[in-house]
């Protein structure tokens, strides 16, 4: 009974941003939202093109992630990037955004980051 309740709660928490394989697939609307959120929350560190050369990022050690060719700590998938955005990355300046941005917003950002990467 407890396992069923846990599964049901997990399903309710994931809501509409999840599909059977993970996060909802990217749509043009999600990418537009991701672009806007990126400009507000990410550009200062990661740079306009995701090259890790934003004005604030130039002073950071380690440097912010460069999306085009660098490895991602949690994988170069929407789910891995969502996890990094949600939880942050200990030992870096990457802060967690789970309390600041909704699931939909973090999903949109994850897809936009992959678009900057060229995937």
N, C-alpha and C. Protein backbone atom coordinates (compact mmCIF):
# COMPACT_ATOMS: atom_id res chain seq x y z
N UNK A 1 0.82 -1.19 0.00
CA UNK A 1 0.00 0.00 0.00
C UNK A 1 0.87 1.26 0.00
N UNK A 2 1.93 1.24 0.80
CA UNK A 2 2.81 2.39 0.88
C UNK A 2 3.49 2.67 -0.47
N UNK A 3 3.88 1.60 -1.19
CA UNK A 3 4.51 1.77 -2.51
C UNK A 3 3.54 2.40 -3.50
N UNK A 4 2.29 2.01 -3.44
CA UNK A 4 1.28 2.59 -4.33
C UNK A 4 1.10 4.06 -4.03
N UNK A 5 1.02 4.41 -2.75
CA UNK A 5 0.87 5.81 -2.36
C UNK A 5 2.07 6.63 -2.80
N UNK A 6 3.26 6.08 -2.62
CA UNK A 6 4.48 6.78 -3.05
C UNK A 6 4.48 7.01 -4.55
N UNK A 7 4.11 5.99 -5.32
CA UNK A 7 4.05 6.11 -6.78
C UNK A 7 3.02 7.15 -7.20
N UNK A 8 1.86 7.16 -6.53
CA UNK A 8 0.82 8.12 -6.86
C UNK A 8 1.27 9.54 -6.56
N UNK A 9 1.89 9.75 -5.41
CA UNK A 9 2.40 11.08 -5.06
C UNK A 9 3.45 11.52 -6.06
N UNK A 10 4.36 10.63 -6.45
CA UNK A 10 5.38 10.96 -7.44
C UNK A 10 4.76 11.37 -8.76
N UNK A 11 3.72 10.65 -9.18
CA UNK A 11 3.03 10.99 -10.42
C UNK A 11 2.38 12.35 -10.33
N UNK A 12 1.75 12.65 -9.20
CA UNK A 12 1.11 13.96 -9.03
C UNK A 12 2.13 15.09 -9.01
N UNK A 13 3.28 14.86 -8.38
CA UNK A 13 4.31 15.89 -8.31
C UNK A 13 4.92 16.17 -9.68
N UNK A 14 5.11 15.14 -10.48
CA UNK A 14 5.72 15.31 -11.79
C UNK A 14 4.76 16.05 -12.71
N UNK A 15 3.49 15.74 -12.64
CA UNK A 15 2.48 16.47 -13.38
C UNK A 15 2.67 16.43 -14.87
N UNK A 16 2.28 17.50 -15.53
CA UNK A 16 2.24 17.53 -16.99
C UNK A 16 3.60 17.76 -17.63
N UNK A 17 4.63 18.04 -16.86
CA UNK A 17 5.93 18.27 -17.48
C UNK A 17 6.67 16.98 -17.78
N UNK A 18 6.07 15.88 -17.47
CA UNK A 18 6.76 14.61 -17.65
C UNK A 18 6.03 13.73 -18.64
N UNK A 19 6.79 12.95 -19.37
CA UNK A 19 6.21 11.94 -20.24
C UNK A 19 6.74 10.59 -19.79
N UNK A 20 6.37 9.54 -20.47
CA UNK A 20 6.81 8.21 -20.07
C UNK A 20 8.34 8.10 -20.05
N UNK A 21 9.03 8.81 -20.92
CA UNK A 21 10.49 8.73 -20.99
C UNK A 21 11.19 9.82 -20.19
N UNK A 22 10.48 10.76 -19.62
CA UNK A 22 11.11 11.83 -18.87
C UNK A 22 10.38 13.13 -19.06
N UNK A 23 11.10 14.18 -19.34
CA UNK A 23 10.49 15.50 -19.50
C UNK A 23 9.71 15.59 -20.79
N UNK A 24 8.75 16.51 -20.79
CA UNK A 24 7.97 16.76 -22.00
C UNK A 24 8.90 17.16 -23.14
N UNK A 25 8.58 16.77 -24.36
CA UNK A 25 9.42 17.17 -25.49
C UNK A 25 9.34 18.68 -25.71
N UNK A 26 10.39 19.21 -26.32
CA UNK A 26 10.46 20.65 -26.58
C UNK A 26 9.40 21.05 -27.60
N UNK A 27 8.82 22.22 -27.38
CA UNK A 27 7.90 22.84 -28.33
C UNK A 27 8.43 24.24 -28.61
N UNK A 28 7.98 24.87 -29.68
CA UNK A 28 8.42 26.25 -29.93
C UNK A 28 8.10 27.19 -28.76
N UNK A 29 6.97 26.98 -28.11
CA UNK A 29 6.59 27.83 -26.96
C UNK A 29 7.55 27.61 -25.79
N UNK A 30 7.91 26.35 -25.55
CA UNK A 30 8.85 26.06 -24.47
C UNK A 30 10.21 26.70 -24.74
N UNK A 31 10.66 26.62 -25.98
CA UNK A 31 11.96 27.20 -26.33
C UNK A 31 11.95 28.72 -26.19
N UNK A 32 10.84 29.36 -26.51
CA UNK A 32 10.72 30.81 -26.32
C UNK A 32 10.77 31.16 -24.84
N UNK A 33 10.03 30.39 -24.03
CA UNK A 33 10.07 30.62 -22.59
C UNK A 33 11.48 30.37 -22.07
N UNK A 34 12.12 29.29 -22.52
CA UNK A 34 13.48 28.99 -22.10
C UNK A 34 14.46 30.11 -22.46
N UNK A 35 14.30 30.67 -23.66
CA UNK A 35 15.16 31.77 -24.10
C UNK A 35 15.00 32.98 -23.18
N UNK A 36 13.77 33.31 -22.84
CA UNK A 36 13.51 34.44 -21.96
C UNK A 36 14.08 34.19 -20.56
N UNK A 37 13.85 33.00 -20.03
CA UNK A 37 14.38 32.65 -18.71
C UNK A 37 15.90 32.62 -18.71
N UNK A 38 16.49 32.15 -19.79
CA UNK A 38 17.95 32.11 -19.91
C UNK A 38 18.51 33.53 -19.83
N UNK A 39 17.89 34.45 -20.55
CA UNK A 39 18.37 35.84 -20.55
C UNK A 39 18.33 36.43 -19.14
N UNK A 40 17.32 36.08 -18.37
CA UNK A 40 17.15 36.62 -17.03
C UNK A 40 18.03 35.92 -15.99
N UNK A 41 18.17 34.60 -16.10
CA UNK A 41 18.78 33.82 -15.03
C UNK A 41 20.15 33.22 -15.32
N UNK A 42 20.53 33.11 -16.59
CA UNK A 42 21.72 32.33 -16.94
C UNK A 42 22.78 33.11 -17.72
N UNK A 43 22.35 34.06 -18.51
CA UNK A 43 23.23 34.76 -19.44
C UNK A 43 24.43 35.41 -18.75
N UNK A 44 24.23 35.99 -17.57
CA UNK A 44 25.33 36.69 -16.89
C UNK A 44 26.53 35.79 -16.64
N UNK A 45 26.27 34.52 -16.39
CA UNK A 45 27.38 33.58 -16.14
C UNK A 45 27.76 32.79 -17.40
N UNK A 46 26.76 32.23 -18.08
CA UNK A 46 27.02 31.32 -19.20
C UNK A 46 27.20 32.03 -20.53
N UNK A 47 26.90 33.31 -20.62
CA UNK A 47 27.07 34.06 -21.86
C UNK A 47 25.88 33.92 -22.79
N UNK A 48 25.76 34.85 -23.71
CA UNK A 48 24.64 34.89 -24.63
C UNK A 48 24.52 33.63 -25.47
N UNK A 49 25.65 33.08 -25.87
CA UNK A 49 25.65 31.90 -26.74
C UNK A 49 25.93 30.61 -25.98
N UNK A 50 26.00 30.69 -24.65
CA UNK A 50 26.29 29.49 -23.87
C UNK A 50 27.75 29.09 -23.90
N UNK A 51 28.63 30.07 -24.13
CA UNK A 51 30.05 29.78 -24.24
C UNK A 51 30.81 29.89 -22.91
N UNK A 52 30.06 30.16 -21.81
CA UNK A 52 30.69 30.27 -20.50
C UNK A 52 31.41 31.57 -20.27
N UNK A 53 31.22 32.54 -21.16
CA UNK A 53 31.94 33.81 -21.07
C UNK A 53 31.04 34.99 -20.76
N UNK A 54 30.03 34.78 -19.92
CA UNK A 54 29.19 35.88 -19.50
C UNK A 54 29.99 36.84 -18.63
N UNK A 55 29.53 38.07 -18.45
CA UNK A 55 30.28 39.05 -17.67
C UNK A 55 30.63 38.57 -16.26
N UNK A 56 29.70 37.92 -15.57
CA UNK A 56 29.98 37.42 -14.23
C UNK A 56 30.82 36.14 -14.28
N UNK A 57 30.62 35.34 -15.32
CA UNK A 57 31.32 34.06 -15.45
C UNK A 57 32.81 34.19 -15.65
N UNK A 58 33.25 35.33 -16.17
CA UNK A 58 34.68 35.52 -16.42
C UNK A 58 35.50 35.50 -15.14
N UNK A 59 34.85 35.77 -14.01
CA UNK A 59 35.57 35.83 -12.73
C UNK A 59 35.43 34.56 -11.91
N UNK A 60 34.68 33.59 -12.40
CA UNK A 60 34.39 32.39 -11.61
C UNK A 60 35.41 31.28 -11.83
N UNK A 61 35.64 30.54 -10.76
CA UNK A 61 36.47 29.35 -10.83
C UNK A 61 35.76 28.27 -10.04
N UNK A 62 35.37 27.19 -10.65
CA UNK A 62 35.54 26.91 -12.07
C UNK A 62 34.63 27.78 -12.93
N UNK A 63 35.02 27.93 -14.19
CA UNK A 63 34.22 28.71 -15.14
C UNK A 63 32.86 28.05 -15.33
N UNK A 64 31.86 28.84 -15.66
CA UNK A 64 30.54 28.26 -15.96
C UNK A 64 30.63 27.32 -17.17
N UNK A 65 29.73 26.37 -17.21
CA UNK A 65 29.67 25.38 -18.28
C UNK A 65 29.58 26.05 -19.64
N UNK A 66 30.37 25.57 -20.57
CA UNK A 66 30.32 25.97 -21.98
C UNK A 66 29.51 24.88 -22.65
N UNK A 67 28.35 25.23 -23.19
CA UNK A 67 27.38 24.23 -23.61
C UNK A 67 27.75 23.48 -24.90
N UNK A 68 28.46 24.10 -25.82
CA UNK A 68 28.67 23.49 -27.14
C UNK A 68 29.49 22.21 -27.09
N UNK A 69 30.54 22.17 -26.29
CA UNK A 69 31.40 20.99 -26.34
C UNK A 69 31.72 20.37 -24.98
N UNK A 70 31.47 21.09 -23.90
CA UNK A 70 31.83 20.57 -22.58
C UNK A 70 30.87 19.48 -22.13
N UNK A 71 31.38 18.57 -21.31
CA UNK A 71 30.54 17.53 -20.71
C UNK A 71 29.66 18.16 -19.65
N UNK A 72 28.48 17.60 -19.48
CA UNK A 72 27.57 18.05 -18.44
C UNK A 72 27.65 17.09 -17.26
N UNK A 73 27.68 17.61 -16.06
CA UNK A 73 27.83 16.79 -14.85
C UNK A 73 26.76 15.71 -14.75
N UNK A 74 25.52 16.05 -15.12
CA UNK A 74 24.40 15.10 -15.00
C UNK A 74 23.94 14.57 -16.35
N UNK A 75 24.76 14.76 -17.38
CA UNK A 75 24.42 14.25 -18.71
C UNK A 75 23.82 15.31 -19.61
N UNK A 76 24.06 15.18 -20.90
CA UNK A 76 23.57 16.14 -21.89
C UNK A 76 22.20 15.72 -22.42
N UNK A 77 21.29 15.52 -21.47
CA UNK A 77 19.91 15.17 -21.80
C UNK A 77 19.01 16.21 -21.13
N UNK A 78 17.78 16.35 -21.59
CA UNK A 78 16.88 17.29 -20.90
C UNK A 78 16.77 16.97 -19.40
N UNK A 79 16.70 15.69 -19.07
CA UNK A 79 16.57 15.29 -17.67
C UNK A 79 17.83 15.64 -16.86
N UNK A 80 19.00 15.41 -17.43
CA UNK A 80 20.24 15.73 -16.74
C UNK A 80 20.41 17.22 -16.52
N UNK A 81 20.09 17.99 -17.53
CA UNK A 81 20.20 19.45 -17.41
C UNK A 81 19.15 19.97 -16.43
N UNK A 82 17.95 19.43 -16.49
CA UNK A 82 16.89 19.79 -15.54
C UNK A 82 17.38 19.56 -14.11
N UNK A 83 18.03 18.42 -13.88
CA UNK A 83 18.57 18.11 -12.54
C UNK A 83 19.60 19.14 -12.12
N UNK A 84 20.52 19.52 -13.01
CA UNK A 84 21.53 20.52 -12.68
C UNK A 84 20.89 21.87 -12.37
N UNK A 85 19.91 22.26 -13.17
CA UNK A 85 19.22 23.53 -12.94
C UNK A 85 18.47 23.47 -11.61
N UNK A 86 17.83 22.36 -11.34
CA UNK A 86 17.02 22.22 -10.13
C UNK A 86 17.86 22.20 -8.86
N UNK A 87 18.93 21.39 -8.88
CA UNK A 87 19.71 21.14 -7.66
C UNK A 87 20.97 21.98 -7.55
N UNK A 88 21.39 22.62 -8.64
CA UNK A 88 22.67 23.30 -8.64
C UNK A 88 23.80 22.29 -8.70
N UNK A 89 25.03 22.78 -8.65
CA UNK A 89 26.19 21.89 -8.70
C UNK A 89 27.15 22.26 -7.57
N UNK A 90 27.23 21.42 -6.53
CA UNK A 90 28.13 21.70 -5.41
C UNK A 90 29.57 21.89 -5.90
N UNK A 91 30.25 22.82 -5.27
CA UNK A 91 31.64 23.09 -5.63
C UNK A 91 31.78 24.07 -6.78
N UNK A 92 30.64 24.57 -7.28
CA UNK A 92 30.64 25.56 -8.35
C UNK A 92 29.70 26.70 -7.94
N UNK A 93 29.64 27.72 -8.76
CA UNK A 93 28.72 28.83 -8.51
C UNK A 93 27.30 28.55 -9.02
N UNK A 94 27.09 27.36 -9.60
CA UNK A 94 25.77 27.01 -10.11
C UNK A 94 24.82 26.76 -8.95
N UNK A 95 23.91 27.71 -8.75
CA UNK A 95 22.94 27.63 -7.65
C UNK A 95 21.73 26.79 -8.04
N UNK A 96 21.02 26.25 -7.06
CA UNK A 96 19.79 25.52 -7.36
C UNK A 96 18.64 26.49 -7.68
N UNK A 97 17.84 26.13 -8.66
CA UNK A 97 16.71 26.97 -9.06
C UNK A 97 15.36 26.32 -8.80
N UNK A 98 15.33 25.20 -8.07
CA UNK A 98 14.07 24.49 -7.83
C UNK A 98 13.05 25.35 -7.10
N UNK A 99 13.49 26.21 -6.21
CA UNK A 99 12.57 27.05 -5.45
C UNK A 99 12.26 28.36 -6.18
N UNK A 100 13.07 28.71 -7.15
CA UNK A 100 12.89 29.98 -7.87
C UNK A 100 12.06 29.80 -9.14
N UNK A 101 12.22 28.67 -9.82
CA UNK A 101 11.55 28.43 -11.09
C UNK A 101 10.66 27.19 -11.00
N UNK A 102 9.53 27.23 -11.69
CA UNK A 102 8.61 26.10 -11.70
C UNK A 102 9.19 24.94 -12.51
N UNK A 103 8.57 23.77 -12.40
CA UNK A 103 8.98 22.62 -13.20
C UNK A 103 8.93 22.96 -14.69
N UNK A 104 7.87 23.61 -15.12
CA UNK A 104 7.73 23.99 -16.53
C UNK A 104 8.85 24.93 -16.96
N UNK A 105 9.19 25.89 -16.12
CA UNK A 105 10.26 26.83 -16.45
C UNK A 105 11.61 26.12 -16.53
N UNK A 106 11.88 25.23 -15.60
CA UNK A 106 13.15 24.50 -15.62
C UNK A 106 13.22 23.54 -16.80
N UNK A 107 12.09 22.95 -17.16
CA UNK A 107 12.04 22.09 -18.35
C UNK A 107 12.33 22.92 -19.60
N UNK A 108 11.72 24.09 -19.69
CA UNK A 108 11.95 24.98 -20.84
C UNK A 108 13.41 25.39 -20.93
N UNK A 109 14.00 25.71 -19.79
CA UNK A 109 15.42 26.08 -19.77
C UNK A 109 16.30 24.91 -20.20
N UNK A 110 15.99 23.72 -19.74
CA UNK A 110 16.79 22.54 -20.12
C UNK A 110 16.77 22.36 -21.63
N UNK A 111 15.61 22.49 -22.23
CA UNK A 111 15.51 22.34 -23.69
C UNK A 111 16.25 23.48 -24.40
N UNK A 112 16.17 24.68 -23.87
CA UNK A 112 16.86 25.81 -24.50
C UNK A 112 18.39 25.62 -24.43
N UNK A 113 18.88 25.13 -23.30
CA UNK A 113 20.31 24.87 -23.17
C UNK A 113 20.76 23.85 -24.24
N UNK A 114 19.96 22.83 -24.45
CA UNK A 114 20.31 21.86 -25.50
C UNK A 114 20.27 22.51 -26.89
N UNK A 115 19.36 23.45 -27.09
CA UNK A 115 19.32 24.16 -28.36
C UNK A 115 20.60 24.98 -28.54
N UNK A 116 21.07 25.63 -27.48
CA UNK A 116 22.34 26.37 -27.55
C UNK A 116 23.49 25.42 -27.85
N UNK A 117 23.40 24.22 -27.36
CA UNK A 117 24.43 23.21 -27.59
C UNK A 117 24.41 22.74 -29.05
N UNK A 118 23.28 22.93 -29.72
CA UNK A 118 23.16 22.52 -31.10
C UNK A 118 22.51 21.16 -31.24
N UNK A 119 21.75 20.74 -30.22
CA UNK A 119 21.07 19.44 -30.26
C UNK A 119 19.58 19.64 -30.24
